[in-house]
Amino acid sequence: MHTYRTQVRFPDQSLAERIKREAESQQRSMNAQILHLIKRGLDSEQKAAG
């Protein structure tokens, strides 16, 4: 598997802190939490589309 690097820019610090808290509660890294949220959102959109 090939990995790709990118940067995420948060519009404000509160969103980053919110993701960090949720990641800690799920025992994930912040990166893993962001990937989880992206995948969940894409899966949800795909289901809604049909």
N, C-alpha and C. Protein backbone atom coordinates (compact mmCIF):
# COMPACT_ATOMS: atom_id res chain seq x y z
N MET A 1 0.85 -1.18 0.00
CA MET A 1 0.00 0.00 0.00
C MET A 1 0.89 1.24 0.00
N HIS A 2 0.53 2.19 -0.82
CA HIS A 2 1.27 3.45 -0.91
C HIS A 2 0.56 4.48 -0.05
N THR A 3 1.32 5.26 0.68
CA THR A 3 0.72 6.32 1.48
C THR A 3 1.03 7.67 0.84
N TYR A 4 0.13 8.60 1.04
CA TYR A 4 0.28 9.95 0.51
C TYR A 4 0.26 10.93 1.66
N ARG A 5 1.06 11.95 1.55
CA ARG A 5 1.12 12.99 2.57
C ARG A 5 0.36 14.22 2.11
N THR A 6 -0.31 14.84 3.06
CA THR A 6 -0.97 16.10 2.80
C THR A 6 -1.06 16.85 4.12
N GLN A 7 -1.38 18.10 4.06
CA GLN A 7 -1.59 18.88 5.26
C GLN A 7 -3.06 19.25 5.35
N VAL A 8 -3.53 19.32 6.57
CA VAL A 8 -4.90 19.76 6.80
C VAL A 8 -4.83 21.11 7.51
N ARG A 9 -5.54 22.06 6.99
CA ARG A 9 -5.59 23.38 7.62
C ARG A 9 -6.97 23.55 8.24
N PHE A 10 -6.98 23.76 9.53
CA PHE A 10 -8.23 23.92 10.26
C PHE A 10 -8.61 25.40 10.28
N PRO A 11 -9.89 25.70 10.10
CA PRO A 11 -10.31 27.10 10.09
C PRO A 11 -10.13 27.78 11.45
N ASP A 12 -10.15 26.98 12.49
CA ASP A 12 -9.88 27.52 13.82
C ASP A 12 -9.39 26.40 14.73
N GLN A 13 -8.80 26.77 15.81
CA GLN A 13 -8.19 25.80 16.72
C GLN A 13 -9.23 24.90 17.38
N SER A 14 -10.45 25.38 17.55
CA SER A 14 -11.45 24.59 18.26
C SER A 14 -11.80 23.30 17.50
N LEU A 15 -11.81 23.34 16.17
CA LEU A 15 -12.09 22.13 15.40
C LEU A 15 -10.97 21.11 15.58
N ALA A 16 -9.74 21.55 15.54
CA ALA A 16 -8.60 20.65 15.74
C ALA A 16 -8.66 20.04 17.14
N GLU A 17 -8.99 20.84 18.13
CA GLU A 17 -9.08 20.34 19.50
C GLU A 17 -10.21 19.33 19.64
N ARG A 18 -11.31 19.60 18.97
CA ARG A 18 -12.46 18.68 19.00
C ARG A 18 -12.09 17.33 18.40
N ILE A 19 -11.41 17.35 17.27
CA ILE A 19 -10.97 16.10 16.64
C ILE A 19 -9.96 15.39 17.52
N LYS A 20 -9.07 16.13 18.12
CA LYS A 20 -8.07 15.53 19.01
C LYS A 20 -8.73 14.84 20.20
N ARG A 21 -9.71 15.50 20.82
CA ARG A 21 -10.43 14.90 21.96
C ARG A 21 -11.15 13.62 21.54
N GLU A 22 -11.82 13.68 20.40
CA GLU A 22 -12.54 12.50 19.92
C GLU A 22 -11.57 11.37 19.59
N ALA A 23 -10.44 11.69 18.99
CA ALA A 23 -9.41 10.69 18.69
C ALA A 23 -8.93 10.01 19.97
N GLU A 24 -8.67 10.80 20.99
CA GLU A 24 -8.21 10.24 22.25
C GLU A 24 -9.27 9.33 22.86
N SER A 25 -10.52 9.74 22.78
CA SER A 25 -11.59 8.92 23.37
C SER A 25 -11.78 7.61 22.62
N GLN A 26 -11.43 7.59 21.34
CA GLN A 26 -11.54 6.38 20.52
C GLN A 26 -10.22 5.62 20.43
N GLN A 27 -9.23 6.10 21.17
CA GLN A 27 -7.88 5.51 21.18
C GLN A 27 -7.29 5.43 19.77
N ARG A 28 -7.44 6.53 19.06
CA ARG A 28 -6.86 6.67 17.72
C ARG A 28 -5.91 7.86 17.71
N SER A 29 -5.01 7.86 16.74
CA SER A 29 -4.21 9.05 16.51
C SER A 29 -5.12 10.08 15.85
N MET A 30 -4.68 11.31 15.85
CA MET A 30 -5.46 12.35 15.19
C MET A 30 -5.58 12.05 13.69
N ASN A 31 -4.52 11.57 13.09
CA ASN A 31 -4.54 11.20 11.68
C ASN A 31 -5.57 10.09 11.43
N ALA A 32 -5.55 9.07 12.26
CA ALA A 32 -6.50 7.96 12.09
C ALA A 32 -7.94 8.45 12.27
N GLN A 33 -8.15 9.38 13.19
CA GLN A 33 -9.49 9.92 13.41
C GLN A 33 -9.96 10.72 12.19
N ILE A 34 -9.09 11.53 11.63
CA ILE A 34 -9.45 12.30 10.44
C ILE A 34 -9.80 11.36 9.29
N LEU A 35 -9.00 10.31 9.09
CA LEU A 35 -9.29 9.34 8.03
C LEU A 35 -10.62 8.63 8.28
N HIS A 36 -10.88 8.28 9.53
CA HIS A 36 -12.14 7.64 9.91
C HIS A 36 -13.33 8.55 9.56
N LEU A 37 -13.23 9.82 9.90
CA LEU A 37 -14.31 10.76 9.63
C LEU A 37 -14.52 10.97 8.13
N ILE A 38 -13.44 11.05 7.38
CA ILE A 38 -13.55 11.21 5.92
C ILE A 38 -14.23 9.99 5.32
N LYS A 39 -13.78 8.79 5.70
CA LYS A 39 -14.36 7.57 5.16
C LYS A 39 -15.83 7.46 5.53
N ARG A 40 -16.16 7.75 6.77
CA ARG A 40 -17.56 7.68 7.21
C ARG A 40 -18.43 8.66 6.40
N GLY A 41 -17.92 9.86 6.17
CA GLY A 41 -18.66 10.84 5.38
C GLY A 41 -18.85 10.40 3.94
N LEU A 42 -17.80 9.86 3.34
CA LEU A 42 -17.91 9.40 1.95
C LEU A 42 -18.86 8.21 1.84
N ASP A 43 -18.78 7.28 2.79
CA ASP A 43 -19.69 6.13 2.79
C ASP A 43 -21.14 6.60 2.91
N SER A 44 -21.37 7.57 3.76
CA SER A 44 -22.71 8.11 3.97
C SER A 44 -23.24 8.77 2.69
N GLU A 45 -22.40 9.52 2.01
CA GLU A 45 -22.80 10.17 0.76
C GLU A 45 -23.10 9.13 -0.31
N GLN A 46 -22.29 8.08 -0.36
CA GLN A 46 -22.50 7.04 -1.35
C GLN A 46 -23.82 6.32 -1.12
N LYS A 47 -24.14 6.04 0.13
CA LYS A 47 -25.42 5.39 0.45
C LYS A 47 -26.59 6.29 0.08
N ALA A 48 -26.46 7.58 0.36
CA ALA A 48 -27.53 8.53 0.05
C ALA A 48 -27.76 8.68 -1.46
N ALA A 49 -26.69 8.50 -2.22
CA ALA A 49 -26.78 8.65 -3.68
C ALA A 49 -27.41 7.43 -4.33
N GLY A 50 -27.47 6.35 -3.62
CA GLY A 50 -28.16 5.21 -4.22
C GLY A 50 -27.42 3.97 -4.14
